[in-house]
Each structure stands twice: as C-alpha cells, then as structure tokens.
Amino acid sequence: MKVESGLGWLFLSLAILFELSGTTSMKLSAGFTKLWPSVLMFVFYGCSFTLLNFALLHIEVGVAYAIWSGVGIVFITLVGVVVFKESFNMTQLLWMSLVVIGVIGLKVSSKAH
C-alpha cells in the first residue's frame, strides 16, 4: 500500500491540467491539420503522463488513474461547452454529477486507508 502525500496530489493535479491542455490542443489541431496545436498536444500529453507517473509513487494506481480521468472528463466537458460552444443538457449534467461524486468518493475513501 502506498503512503499518500501532498506531493503525490500535486503531481496528480498538474497531470490533470496538462491532460486538459493536451485534449484542448487535440481539438484545436483539427485532425492534425494545424501544426502547433498538434505539436503542443504531444508535449502536453507527455508532461501529463510523466506527472501521472510521479504521482503513482505516492498514490495507488486505481485511485490516481480514476481521479485523473474523471476530473479530466469533467473539465474537458466544461471547456467544450464554454470554449467550443458544444451542447450540454440536463441528462448530461446528471451523469457528470455521478462522475464528480465518484471522484470525491475515491479521494475520501483513499484517505481513510
């Protein structure tokens, strides 16, 4: 069992931010037709996976990966709605709420052990 530390959560938070940047760059790359967003996508994803790797030194893999992907899903959905004017309805909000509840549950339960 890994011992959680603030450093692990810092690495995980930064990994999430870089994952969000990578996914946003992917959208902006327009199927690799735009050079700089395409390049940045690889840079941001490389940083994200590197930071996630360091987070795994402090946080169990199941917890870290679930939080990384869950928070990433929520944030990229918000970016899609706000930046790219994508649709979002009440049913999607319900399911997104379950993702948020799951992430919170994982964070709380991982501290208990």
PDB file of N, CA and C in Angstrom:
ATOM      1  N   MET A   1       0.839  -1.177   0.000  1.00  0.00           N
ATOM      2  CA  MET A   1       0.000   0.000   0.000  1.00  0.00           C
ATOM      3  C   MET A   1       0.887   1.244   0.000  1.00  0.00           C
ATOM      4  N   LYS A   2       0.573   2.173  -0.864  1.00  0.00           N
ATOM      5  CA  LYS A   2       1.357   3.391  -0.970  1.00  0.00           C
ATOM      6  C   LYS A   2       0.927   4.393   0.101  1.00  0.00           C
ATOM      7  N   VAL A   3       1.872   5.168   0.561  1.00  0.00           N
ATOM      8  CA  VAL A   3       1.584   6.223   1.516  1.00  0.00           C
ATOM      9  C   VAL A   3       1.332   7.503   0.728  1.00  0.00           C
ATOM     10  N   GLU A   4       0.140   8.063   0.881  1.00  0.00           N
ATOM     11  CA  GLU A   4      -0.197   9.277   0.152  1.00  0.00           C
ATOM     12  C   GLU A   4       0.542  10.468   0.740  1.00  0.00           C
ATOM     13  N   SER A   5       0.860  11.390  -0.131  1.00  0.00           N
ATOM     14  CA  SER A   5       1.496  12.616   0.328  1.00  0.00           C
ATOM     15  C   SER A   5       0.973  13.782  -0.494  1.00  0.00           C
ATOM     16  N   GLY A   6       1.191  14.971   0.025  1.00  0.00           N
ATOM     17  CA  GLY A   6       0.799  16.168  -0.708  1.00  0.00           C
ATOM     18  C   GLY A   6       1.496  16.272  -2.040  1.00  0.00           C
ATOM     19  N   LEU A   7       2.724  15.768  -2.112  1.00  0.00           N
ATOM     20  CA  LEU A   7       3.473  15.803  -3.362  1.00  0.00           C
ATOM     21  C   LEU A   7       2.775  14.968  -4.436  1.00  0.00           C
ATOM     22  N   GLY A   8       2.258  13.811  -4.036  1.00  0.00           N
ATOM     23  CA  GLY A   8       1.526  12.963  -4.979  1.00  0.00           C
ATOM     24  C   GLY A   8       0.308  13.670  -5.541  1.00  0.00           C
ATOM     25  N   TRP A   9      -0.428  14.359  -4.671  1.00  0.00           N
ATOM     26  CA  TRP A   9      -1.620  15.084  -5.114  1.00  0.00           C
ATOM     27  C   TRP A   9      -1.243  16.281  -5.976  1.00  0.00           C
ATOM     28  N   LEU A  10      -0.108  16.905  -5.697  1.00  0.00           N
ATOM     29  CA  LEU A  10       0.366  17.995  -6.546  1.00  0.00           C
ATOM     30  C   LEU A  10       0.698  17.474  -7.939  1.00  0.00           C
ATOM     31  N   PHE A  11       1.446  16.370  -8.003  1.00  0.00           N
ATOM     32  CA  PHE A  11       1.763  15.763  -9.300  1.00  0.00           C
ATOM     33  C   PHE A  11       0.483  15.399 -10.050  1.00  0.00           C
ATOM     34  N   LEU A  12      -0.482  14.822  -9.342  1.00  0.00           N
ATOM     35  CA  LEU A  12      -1.730  14.419  -9.978  1.00  0.00           C
ATOM     36  C   LEU A  12      -2.496  15.633 -10.491  1.00  0.00           C
ATOM     37  N   SER A  13      -2.551  16.692  -9.717  1.00  0.00           N
ATOM     38  CA  SER A  13      -3.246  17.917 -10.147  1.00  0.00           C
ATOM     39  C   SER A  13      -2.605  18.506 -11.398  1.00  0.00           C
ATOM     40  N   LEU A  14      -1.286  18.554 -11.411  1.00  0.00           N
ATOM     41  CA  LEU A  14      -0.584  19.069 -12.596  1.00  0.00           C
ATOM     42  C   LEU A  14      -0.790  18.146 -13.799  1.00  0.00           C
ATOM     43  N   ALA A  15      -0.805  16.841 -13.562  1.00  0.00           N
ATOM     44  CA  ALA A  15      -1.056  15.885 -14.645  1.00  0.00           C
ATOM     45  C   ALA A  15      -2.428  16.125 -15.265  1.00  0.00           C
ATOM     46  N   ILE A  16      -3.415  16.422 -14.424  1.00  0.00           N
ATOM     47  CA  ILE A  16      -4.764  16.699 -14.918  1.00  0.00           C
ATOM     48  C   ILE A  16      -4.770  17.970 -15.767  1.00  0.00           C
ATOM     49  N   LEU A  17      -4.090  19.005 -15.304  1.00  0.00           N
ATOM     50  CA  LEU A  17      -4.039  20.257 -16.071  1.00  0.00           C
ATOM     51  C   LEU A  17      -3.367  20.063 -17.434  1.00  0.00           C
ATOM     52  N   PHE A  18      -2.291  19.283 -17.458  1.00  0.00           N
ATOM     53  CA  PHE A  18      -1.624  19.025 -18.739  1.00  0.00           C
ATOM     54  C   PHE A  18      -2.478  18.137 -19.642  1.00  0.00           C
ATOM     55  N   GLU A  19      -3.215  17.199 -19.055  1.00  0.00           N
ATOM     56  CA  GLU A  19      -4.119  16.356 -19.849  1.00  0.00           C
ATOM     57  C   GLU A  19      -5.207  17.216 -20.473  1.00  0.00           C
ATOM     58  N   LEU A  20      -5.735  18.141 -19.700  1.00  0.00           N
ATOM     59  CA  LEU A  20      -6.742  19.075 -20.210  1.00  0.00           C
ATOM     60  C   LEU A  20      -6.166  19.911 -21.354  1.00  0.00           C
ATOM     61  N   SER A  21      -4.947  20.380 -21.194  1.00  0.00           N
ATOM     62  CA  SER A  21      -4.288  21.157 -22.248  1.00  0.00           C
ATOM     63  C   SER A  21      -4.050  20.304 -23.492  1.00  0.00           C
ATOM     64  N   GLY A  22      -3.673  19.046 -23.289  1.00  0.00           N
ATOM     65  CA  GLY A  22      -3.445  18.144 -24.415  1.00  0.00           C
ATOM     66  C   GLY A  22      -4.720  17.855 -25.189  1.00  0.00           C
ATOM     67  N   THR A  23      -5.809  17.641 -24.475  1.00  0.00           N
ATOM     68  CA  THR A  23      -7.075  17.354 -25.141  1.00  0.00           C
ATOM     69  C   THR A  23      -7.613  18.594 -25.854  1.00  0.00           C
ATOM     70  N   THR A  24      -7.444  19.755 -25.248  1.00  0.00           N
ATOM     71  CA  THR A  24      -7.837  21.005 -25.907  1.00  0.00           C
ATOM     72  C   THR A  24      -7.007  21.213 -27.164  1.00  0.00           C
ATOM     73  N   SER A  25      -5.711  20.946 -27.088  1.00  0.00           N
ATOM     74  CA  SER A  25      -4.842  21.065 -28.264  1.00  0.00           C
ATOM     75  C   SER A  25      -5.253  20.077 -29.346  1.00  0.00           C
ATOM     76  N   MET A  26      -5.691  18.886 -28.931  1.00  0.00           N
ATOM     77  CA  MET A  26      -6.144  17.895 -29.904  1.00  0.00           C
ATOM     78  C   MET A  26      -7.325  18.444 -30.705  1.00  0.00           C
ATOM     79  N   LYS A  27      -8.268  19.053 -30.004  1.00  0.00           N
ATOM     80  CA  LYS A  27      -9.427  19.647 -30.684  1.00  0.00           C
ATOM     81  C   LYS A  27      -8.972  20.764 -31.625  1.00  0.00           C
ATOM     82  N   LEU A  28      -8.061  21.608 -31.138  1.00  0.00           N
ATOM     83  CA  LEU A  28      -7.576  22.732 -31.949  1.00  0.00           C
ATOM     84  C   LEU A  28      -6.728  22.282 -33.138  1.00  0.00           C
ATOM     85  N   SER A  29      -6.163  21.070 -33.066  1.00  0.00           N
ATOM     86  CA  SER A  29      -5.315  20.586 -34.159  1.00  0.00           C
ATOM     87  C   SER A  29      -6.119  20.242 -35.409  1.00  0.00           C
ATOM     88  N   ALA A  30      -7.434  20.111 -35.258  1.00  0.00           N
ATOM     89  CA  ALA A  30      -8.322  19.822 -36.399  1.00  0.00           C
ATOM     90  C   ALA A  30      -7.837  18.604 -37.190  1.00  0.00           C
ATOM     91  N   GLY A  31      -7.670  17.501 -36.450  1.00  0.00           N
ATOM     92  CA  GLY A  31      -7.245  16.262 -37.112  1.00  0.00           C
ATOM     93  C   GLY A  31      -5.829  16.326 -37.644  1.00  0.00           C
ATOM     94  N   PHE A  32      -4.936  16.944 -36.886  1.00  0.00           N
ATOM     95  CA  PHE A  32      -3.525  17.111 -37.240  1.00  0.00           C
ATOM     96  C   PHE A  32      -3.312  17.980 -38.477  1.00  0.00           C
ATOM     97  N   THR A  33      -4.259  18.849 -38.782  1.00  0.00           N
ATOM     98  CA  THR A  33      -4.085  19.745 -39.936  1.00  0.00           C
ATOM     99  C   THR A  33      -3.453  21.075 -39.538  1.00  0.00           C
ATOM    100  N   LYS A  34      -3.349  21.334 -38.237  1.00  0.00           N
ATOM    101  CA  LYS A  34      -2.712  22.562 -37.748  1.00  0.00           C
ATOM    102  C   LYS A  34      -1.478  22.174 -36.947  1.00  0.00           C
ATOM    103  N   LEU A  35      -0.333  22.690 -37.364  1.00  0.00           N
ATOM    104  CA  LEU A  35       0.952  22.252 -36.824  1.00  0.00           C
ATOM    105  C   LEU A  35       1.094  22.478 -35.322  1.00  0.00           C
ATOM    106  N   TRP A  36       0.969  23.715 -34.863  1.00  0.00           N
ATOM    107  CA  TRP A  36       1.313  23.999 -33.467  1.00  0.00           C
ATOM    108  C   TRP A  36       0.367  23.347 -32.464  1.00  0.00           C
ATOM    109  N   PRO A  37      -0.926  23.353 -32.685  1.00  0.00           N
ATOM    110  CA  PRO A  37      -1.762  22.599 -31.747  1.00  0.00           C
ATOM    111  C   PRO A  37      -1.432  21.095 -31.747  1.00  0.00           C
ATOM    112  N   SER A  38      -1.041  20.571 -32.897  1.00  0.00           N
ATOM    113  CA  SER A  38      -0.664  19.150 -32.976  1.00  0.00           C
ATOM    114  C   SER A  38       0.605  18.882 -32.173  1.00  0.00           C
ATOM    115  N   VAL A  39       1.591  19.742 -32.319  1.00  0.00           N
ATOM    116  CA  VAL A  39       2.847  19.599 -31.568  1.00  0.00           C
ATOM    117  C   VAL A  39       2.579  19.740 -30.075  1.00  0.00           C
ATOM    118  N   LEU A  40       1.811  20.781 -29.714  1.00  0.00           N
ATOM    119  CA  LEU A  40       1.510  21.012 -28.300  1.00  0.00           C
ATOM    120  C   LEU A  40       0.746  19.850 -27.676  1.00  0.00           C
ATOM    121  N   MET A  41      -0.114  19.208 -28.453  1.00  0.00           N
ATOM    122  CA  MET A  41      -0.844  18.056 -27.944  1.00  0.00           C
ATOM    123  C   MET A  41       0.130  16.994 -27.424  1.00  0.00           C
ATOM    124  N   PHE A  42       1.150  16.676 -28.215  1.00  0.00           N
ATOM    125  CA  PHE A  42       2.122  15.666 -27.797  1.00  0.00           C
ATOM    126  C   PHE A  42       2.943  16.132 -26.600  1.00  0.00           C
ATOM    127  N   VAL A  43       3.301  17.397 -26.580  1.00  0.00           N
ATOM    128  CA  VAL A  43       4.069  17.941 -25.454  1.00  0.00           C
ATOM    129  C   VAL A  43       3.240  17.866 -24.172  1.00  0.00           C
ATOM    130  N   PHE A  44       1.998  18.342 -24.249  1.00  0.00           N
ATOM    131  CA  PHE A  44       1.138  18.357 -23.064  1.00  0.00           C
ATOM    132  C   PHE A  44       0.830  16.941 -22.566  1.00  0.00           C
ATOM    133  N   TYR A  45       0.538  16.022 -23.487  1.00  0.00           N
ATOM    134  CA  TYR A  45       0.278  14.645 -23.060  1.00  0.00           C
ATOM    135  C   TYR A  45       1.533  14.005 -22.473  1.00  0.00           C
ATOM    136  N   GLY A  46       2.693  14.299 -23.035  1.00  0.00           N
ATOM    137  CA  GLY A  46       3.940  13.780 -22.475  1.00  0.00           C
ATOM    138  C   GLY A  46       4.153  14.267 -21.052  1.00  0.00           C
ATOM    139  N   CYS A  47       3.909  15.558 -20.834  1.00  0.00           N
ATOM    140  CA  CYS A  47       4.017  16.119 -19.477  1.00  0.00           C
ATOM    141  C   CYS A  47       2.993  15.476 -18.551  1.00  0.00           C
ATOM    142  N   SER A  48       1.778  15.294 -19.045  1.00  0.00           N
ATOM    143  CA  SER A  48       0.720  14.717 -18.221  1.00  0.00           C
ATOM    144  C   SER A  48       1.068  13.303 -17.766  1.00  0.00           C
ATOM    145  N   PHE A  49       1.498  12.459 -18.700  1.00  0.00           N
ATOM    146  CA  PHE A  49       1.838  11.078 -18.334  1.00  0.00           C
ATOM    147  C   PHE A  49       3.070  11.018 -17.429  1.00  0.00           C
ATOM    148  N   THR A  50       4.006  11.919 -17.647  1.00  0.00           N
ATOM    149  CA  THR A  50       5.188  11.957 -16.778  1.00  0.00           C
ATOM    150  C   THR A  50       4.790  12.319 -15.355  1.00  0.00           C
ATOM    151  N   LEU A  51       3.954  13.342 -15.206  1.00  0.00           N
ATOM    152  CA  LEU A  51       3.499  13.745 -13.875  1.00  0.00           C
ATOM    153  C   LEU A  51       2.615  12.680 -13.233  1.00  0.00           C
ATOM    154  N   LEU A  52       1.786  12.024 -14.040  1.00  0.00           N
ATOM    155  CA  LEU A  52       0.968  10.926 -13.507  1.00  0.00           C
ATOM    156  C   LEU A  52       1.873   9.801 -13.005  1.00  0.00           C
ATOM    157  N   ASN A  53       2.937   9.532 -13.720  1.00  0.00           N
ATOM    158  CA  ASN A  53       3.906   8.519 -13.302  1.00  0.00           C
ATOM    159  C   ASN A  53       4.500   8.866 -11.933  1.00  0.00           C
ATOM    160  N   PHE A  54       4.873  10.131 -11.737  1.00  0.00           N
ATOM    161  CA  PHE A  54       5.411  10.550 -10.439  1.00  0.00           C
ATOM    162  C   PHE A  54       4.348  10.503  -9.347  1.00  0.00           C
ATOM    163  N   ALA A  55       3.113  10.813  -9.696  1.00  0.00           N
ATOM    164  CA  ALA A  55       2.023  10.736  -8.716  1.00  0.00           C
ATOM    165  C   ALA A  55       1.848   9.306  -8.218  1.00  0.00           C
ATOM    166  N   LEU A  56       2.092   8.339  -9.096  1.00  0.00           N
ATOM    167  CA  LEU A  56       1.922   6.927  -8.728  1.00  0.00           C
ATOM    168  C   LEU A  56       2.947   6.452  -7.704  1.00  0.00           C
ATOM    169  N   LEU A  57       3.973   7.244  -7.470  1.00  0.00           N
ATOM    170  CA  LEU A  57       4.915   6.914  -6.400  1.00  0.00           C
ATOM    171  C   LEU A  57       4.283   7.142  -5.031  1.00  0.00           C
ATOM    172  N   HIS A  58       3.206   7.942  -5.003  1.00  0.00           N
ATOM    173  CA  HIS A  58       2.602   8.355  -3.739  1.00  0.00           C
ATOM    174  C   HIS A  58       1.140   7.938  -3.590  1.00  0.00           C
ATOM    175  N   ILE A  59       0.472   7.655  -4.707  1.00  0.00           N
ATOM    176  CA  ILE A  59      -0.962   7.361  -4.707  1.00  0.00           C
ATOM    177  C   ILE A  59      -1.175   6.042  -5.429  1.00  0.00           C
ATOM    178  N   GLU A  60      -2.093   5.231  -4.917  1.00  0.00           N
ATOM    179  CA  GLU A  60      -2.379   3.946  -5.568  1.00  0.00           C
ATOM    180  C   GLU A  60      -2.877   4.171  -6.990  1.00  0.00           C
ATOM    181  N   VAL A  61      -2.499   3.273  -7.888  1.00  0.00           N
ATOM    182  CA  VAL A  61      -2.764   3.446  -9.305  1.00  0.00           C
ATOM    183  C   VAL A  61      -4.258   3.548  -9.605  1.00  0.00           C
ATOM    184  N   GLY A  62      -5.079   2.727  -8.982  1.00  0.00           N
ATOM    185  CA  GLY A  62      -6.517   2.767  -9.246  1.00  0.00           C
ATOM    186  C   GLY A  62      -7.138   4.096  -8.859  1.00  0.00           C
ATOM    187  N   VAL A  63      -6.731   4.608  -7.724  1.00  0.00           N
ATOM    188  CA  VAL A  63      -7.248   5.896  -7.249  1.00  0.00           C
ATOM    189  C   VAL A  63      -6.737   7.025  -8.140  1.00  0.00           C
ATOM    190  N   ALA A  64      -5.443   7.051  -8.397  1.00  0.00           N
ATOM    191  CA  ALA A  64      -4.849   8.130  -9.195  1.00  0.00           C
ATOM    192  C   ALA A  64      -5.425   8.158 -10.606  1.00  0.00           C
ATOM    193  N   TYR A  65      -5.516   7.007 -11.253  1.00  0.00           N
ATOM    194  CA  TYR A  65      -5.995   6.982 -12.631  1.00  0.00           C
ATOM    195  C   TYR A  65      -7.471   7.353 -12.706  1.00  0.00           C
ATOM    196  N   ALA A  66      -8.264   6.867 -11.768  1.00  0.00           N
ATOM    197  CA  ALA A  66      -9.694   7.201 -11.769  1.00  0.00           C
ATOM    198  C   ALA A  66      -9.907   8.697 -11.560  1.00  0.00           C
ATOM    199  N   ILE A  67      -9.150   9.282 -10.663  1.00  0.00           N
ATOM    200  CA  ILE A  67      -9.278  10.728 -10.432  1.00  0.00           C
ATOM    201  C   ILE A  67      -8.758  11.502 -11.634  1.00  0.00           C
ATOM    202  N   TRP A  68      -7.624  11.093 -12.178  1.00  0.00           N
ATOM    203  CA  TRP A  68      -7.051  11.755 -13.354  1.00  0.00           C
ATOM    204  C   TRP A  68      -8.053  11.760 -14.508  1.00  0.00           C
ATOM    205  N   SER A  69      -8.635  10.608 -14.788  1.00  0.00           N
ATOM    206  CA  SER A  69      -9.561  10.532 -15.920  1.00  0.00           C
ATOM    207  C   SER A  69     -10.902  11.183 -15.593  1.00  0.00           C
ATOM    208  N   GLY A  70     -11.413  10.987 -14.377  1.00  0.00           N
ATOM    209  CA  GLY A  70     -12.707  11.563 -14.005  1.00  0.00           C
ATOM    210  C   GLY A  70     -12.696  13.076 -13.988  1.00  0.00           C
ATOM    211  N   VAL A  71     -11.695  13.652 -13.355  1.00  0.00           N
ATOM    212  CA  VAL A  71     -11.594  15.113 -13.308  1.00  0.00           C
ATOM    213  C   VAL A  71     -11.334  15.652 -14.712  1.00  0.00           C
ATOM    214  N   GLY A  72     -10.526  14.928 -15.474  1.00  0.00           N
ATOM    215  CA  GLY A  72     -10.281  15.335 -16.864  1.00  0.00           C
ATOM    216  C   GLY A  72     -11.561  15.358 -17.684  1.00  0.00           C
ATOM    217  N   ILE A  73     -12.423  14.359 -17.491  1.00  0.00           N
ATOM    218  CA  ILE A  73     -13.708  14.307 -18.205  1.00  0.00           C
ATOM    219  C   ILE A  73     -14.557  15.528 -17.869  1.00  0.00           C
ATOM    220  N   VAL A  74     -14.642  15.829 -16.596  1.00  0.00           N
ATOM    221  CA  VAL A  74     -15.466  16.970 -16.174  1.00  0.00           C
ATOM    222  C   VAL A  74     -14.904  18.277 -16.727  1.00  0.00           C
ATOM    223  N   PHE A  75     -13.603  18.490 -16.571  1.00  0.00           N
ATOM    224  CA  PHE A  75     -13.003  19.746 -17.036  1.00  0.00           C
ATOM    225  C   PHE A  75     -13.076  19.899 -18.549  1.00  0.00           C
ATOM    226  N   ILE A  76     -12.815  18.817 -19.301  1.00  0.00           N
ATOM    227  CA  ILE A  76     -12.837  18.954 -20.764  1.00  0.00           C
ATOM    228  C   ILE A  76     -14.264  19.157 -21.246  1.00  0.00           C
ATOM    229  N   THR A  77     -15.229  18.632 -20.524  1.00  0.00           N
ATOM    230  CA  THR A  77     -16.628  18.912 -20.869  1.00  0.00           C
ATOM    231  C   THR A  77     -16.924  20.394 -20.705  1.00  0.00           C
ATOM    232  N   LEU A  78     -16.439  20.978 -19.601  1.00  0.00           N
ATOM    233  CA  LEU A  78     -16.629  22.414 -19.380  1.00  0.00           C
ATOM    234  C   LEU A  78     -15.935  23.240 -20.458  1.00  0.00           C
ATOM    235  N   VAL A  79     -14.724  22.833 -20.835  1.00  0.00           N
ATOM    236  CA  VAL A  79     -14.013  23.528 -21.914  1.00  0.00           C
ATOM    237  C   VAL A  79     -14.809  23.419 -23.212  1.00  0.00           C
ATOM    238  N   GLY A  80     -15.335  22.242 -23.492  1.00  0.00           N
ATOM    239  CA  GLY A  80     -16.134  22.049 -24.705  1.00  0.00           C
ATOM    240  C   GLY A  80     -17.336  22.974 -24.748  1.00  0.00           C
ATOM    241  N   VAL A  81     -18.019  23.095 -23.623  1.00  0.00           N
ATOM    242  CA  VAL A  81     -19.211  23.945 -23.563  1.00  0.00           C
ATOM    243  C   VAL A  81     -18.840  25.426 -23.654  1.00  0.00           C
ATOM    244  N   VAL A  82     -17.843  25.841 -22.863  1.00  0.00           N
ATOM    245  CA  VAL A  82     -17.506  27.264 -22.783  1.00  0.00           C
ATOM    246  C   VAL A  82     -16.698  27.738 -23.992  1.00  0.00           C
ATOM    247  N   VAL A  83     -15.662  27.007 -24.353  1.00  0.00           N
ATOM    248  CA  VAL A  83     -14.742  27.459 -25.413  1.00  0.00           C
ATOM    249  C   VAL A  83     -15.238  27.080 -26.798  1.00  0.00           C
ATOM    250  N   PHE A  84     -15.691  25.822 -26.946  1.00  0.00           N
ATOM    251  CA  PHE A  84     -16.058  25.333 -28.271  1.00  0.00           C
ATOM    252  C   PHE A  84     -17.563  25.368 -28.537  1.00  0.00           C
ATOM    253  N   LYS A  85     -18.326  25.906 -27.585  1.00  0.00           N
ATOM    254  CA  LYS A  85     -19.786  26.074 -27.729  1.00  0.00           C
ATOM    255  C   LYS A  85     -20.505  24.762 -28.019  1.00  0.00           C
ATOM    256  N   GLU A  86     -20.027  23.672 -27.399  1.00  0.00           N
ATOM    257  CA  GLU A  86     -20.676  22.376 -27.558  1.00  0.00           C
ATOM    258  C   GLU A  86     -21.919  22.316 -26.681  1.00  0.00           C
ATOM    259  N   SER A  87     -22.848  21.446 -27.046  1.00  0.00           N
ATOM    260  CA  SER A  87     -24.112  21.350 -26.309  1.00  0.00           C
ATOM    261  C   SER A  87     -23.919  20.630 -24.986  1.00  0.00           C
ATOM    262  N   PHE A  88     -24.830  20.910 -24.070  1.00  0.00           N
ATOM    263  CA  PHE A  88     -24.815  20.260 -22.760  1.00  0.00           C
ATOM    264  C   PHE A  88     -26.232  20.346 -22.212  1.00  0.00           C
ATOM    265  N   ASN A  89     -26.791  19.199 -21.819  1.00  0.00           N
ATOM    266  CA  ASN A  89     -28.166  19.201 -21.340  1.00  0.00           C
ATOM    267  C   ASN A  89     -28.255  18.628 -19.924  1.00  0.00           C
ATOM    268  N   MET A  90     -29.452  18.600 -19.385  1.00  0.00           N
ATOM    269  CA  MET A  90     -29.663  18.171 -18.007  1.00  0.00           C
ATOM    270  C   MET A  90     -29.310  16.691 -17.796  1.00  0.00           C
ATOM    271  N   THR A  91     -29.564  15.861 -18.777  1.00  0.00           N
ATOM    272  CA  THR A  91     -29.207  14.450 -18.648  1.00  0.00           C
ATOM    273  C   THR A  91     -27.691  14.297 -18.558  1.00  0.00           C
ATOM    274  N   GLN A  92     -26.971  15.031 -19.372  1.00  0.00           N
ATOM    275  CA  GLN A  92     -25.511  15.006 -19.304  1.00  0.00           C
ATOM    276  C   GLN A  92     -25.025  15.534 -17.957  1.00  0.00           C
ATOM    277  N   LEU A  93     -25.693  16.551 -17.441  1.00  0.00           N
ATOM    278  CA  LEU A  93     -25.337  17.092 -16.126  1.00  0.00           C
ATOM    279  C   LEU A  93     -25.519  16.033 -15.044  1.00  0.00           C
ATOM    280  N   LEU A  94     -26.586  15.264 -15.130  1.00  0.00           N
ATOM    281  CA  LEU A  94     -26.819  14.183 -14.162  1.00  0.00           C
ATOM    282  C   LEU A  94     -25.666  13.186 -14.181  1.00  0.00           C
ATOM    283  N   TRP A  95     -25.299  12.714 -15.354  1.00  0.00           N
ATOM    284  CA  TRP A  95     -24.221  11.724 -15.452  1.00  0.00           C
ATOM    285  C   TRP A  95     -22.882  12.320 -15.050  1.00  0.00           C
ATOM    286  N   MET A  96     -22.652  13.576 -15.391  1.00  0.00           N
ATOM    287  CA  MET A  96     -21.415  14.238 -14.995  1.00  0.00           C
ATOM    288  C   MET A  96     -21.351  14.365 -13.476  1.00  0.00           C
ATOM    289  N   SER A  97     -22.497  14.599 -12.851  1.00  0.00           N
ATOM    290  CA  SER A  97     -22.549  14.677 -11.387  1.00  0.00           C
ATOM    291  C   SER A  97     -22.124  13.364 -10.755  1.00  0.00           C
ATOM    292  N   LEU A  98     -22.492  12.261 -11.373  1.00  0.00           N
ATOM    293  CA  LEU A  98     -22.074  10.954 -10.852  1.00  0.00           C
ATOM    294  C   LEU A  98     -20.562  10.773 -10.956  1.00  0.00           C
ATOM    295  N   VAL A  99     -19.964  11.293 -12.011  1.00  0.00           N
ATOM    296  CA  VAL A  99     -18.506  11.242 -12.133  1.00  0.00           C
ATOM    297  C   VAL A  99     -17.871  12.031 -10.990  1.00  0.00           C
ATOM    298  N   VAL A 100     -18.394  13.225 -10.737  1.00  0.00           N
ATOM    299  CA  VAL A 100     -17.862  14.077  -9.662  1.00  0.00           C
ATOM    300  C   VAL A 100     -18.022  13.383  -8.313  1.00  0.00           C
ATOM    301  N   ILE A 101     -19.182  12.799  -8.064  1.00  0.00           N
ATOM    302  CA  ILE A 101     -19.419  12.078  -6.810  1.00  0.00           C
ATOM    303  C   ILE A 101     -18.433  10.915  -6.677  1.00  0.00           C
ATOM    304  N   GLY A 102     -18.189  10.217  -7.768  1.00  0.00           N
ATOM    305  CA  GLY A 102     -17.226   9.116  -7.749  1.00  0.00           C
ATOM    306  C   GLY A 102     -15.819   9.569  -7.433  1.00  0.00           C
ATOM    307  N   VAL A 103     -15.405  10.685  -8.023  1.00  0.00           N
ATOM    308  CA  VAL A 103     -14.064  11.219  -7.758  1.00  0.00           C
ATOM    309  C   VAL A 103     -13.940  11.619  -6.289  1.00  0.00           C
ATOM    310  N   ILE A 104     -14.945  12.297  -5.777  1.00  0.00           N
ATOM    311  CA  ILE A 104     -14.933  12.694  -4.372  1.00  0.00           C
ATOM    312  C   ILE A 104     -14.889  11.455  -3.471  1.00  0.00           C
ATOM    313  N   GLY A 105     -15.700  10.465  -3.799  1.00  0.00           N
ATOM    314  CA  GLY A 105     -15.712   9.224  -3.022  1.00  0.00           C
ATOM    315  C   GLY A 105     -14.357   8.532  -3.018  1.00  0.00           C
ATOM    316  N   LEU A 106     -13.693   8.485  -4.166  1.00  0.00           N
ATOM    317  CA  LEU A 106     -12.363   7.879  -4.223  1.00  0.00           C
ATOM    318  C   LEU A 106     -11.359   8.639  -3.379  1.00  0.00           C
ATOM    319  N   LYS A 107     -11.408   9.954  -3.470  1.00  0.00           N
ATOM    320  CA  LYS A 107     -10.471  10.786  -2.689  1.00  0.00           C
ATOM    321  C   LYS A 107     -10.699  10.575  -1.191  1.00  0.00           C
ATOM    322  N   VAL A 108     -11.954  10.605  -0.760  1.00  0.00           N
ATOM    323  CA  VAL A 108     -12.270  10.447   0.654  1.00  0.00           C
ATOM    324  C   VAL A 108     -11.911   9.043   1.145  1.00  0.00           C
ATOM    325  N   SER A 109     -12.268   8.044   0.370  1.00  0.00           N
ATOM    326  CA  SER A 109     -12.011   6.671   0.814  1.00  0.00           C
ATOM    327  C   SER A 109     -10.530   6.318   0.784  1.00  0.00           C
ATOM    328  N   SER A 110      -9.761   6.958  -0.088  1.00  0.00           N
ATOM    329  CA  SER A 110      -8.328   6.653  -0.137  1.00  0.00           C
ATOM    330  C   SER A 110      -7.626   7.244   1.068  1.00  0.00           C
ATOM    331  N   LYS A 111      -8.111   8.333   1.618  1.00  0.00           N
ATOM    332  CA  LYS A 111      -7.513   8.909   2.835  1.00  0.00           C
ATOM    333  C   LYS A 111      -7.820   8.063   4.055  1.00  0.00           C
ATOM    334  N   ALA A 112      -8.939   7.350   4.011  1.00  0.00           N
ATOM    335  CA  ALA A 112      -9.358   6.555   5.176  1.00  0.00           C
ATOM    336  C   ALA A 112      -8.464   5.354   5.397  1.00  0.00           C
ATOM    337  N   HIS A 113      -7.751   4.914   4.355  1.00  0.00           N
ATOM    338  CA  HIS A 113      -6.926   3.689   4.491  1.00  0.00           C
ATOM    339  C   HIS A 113      -5.505   4.033   4.767  1.00  0.00           C
TER     340      HIS A 113
END
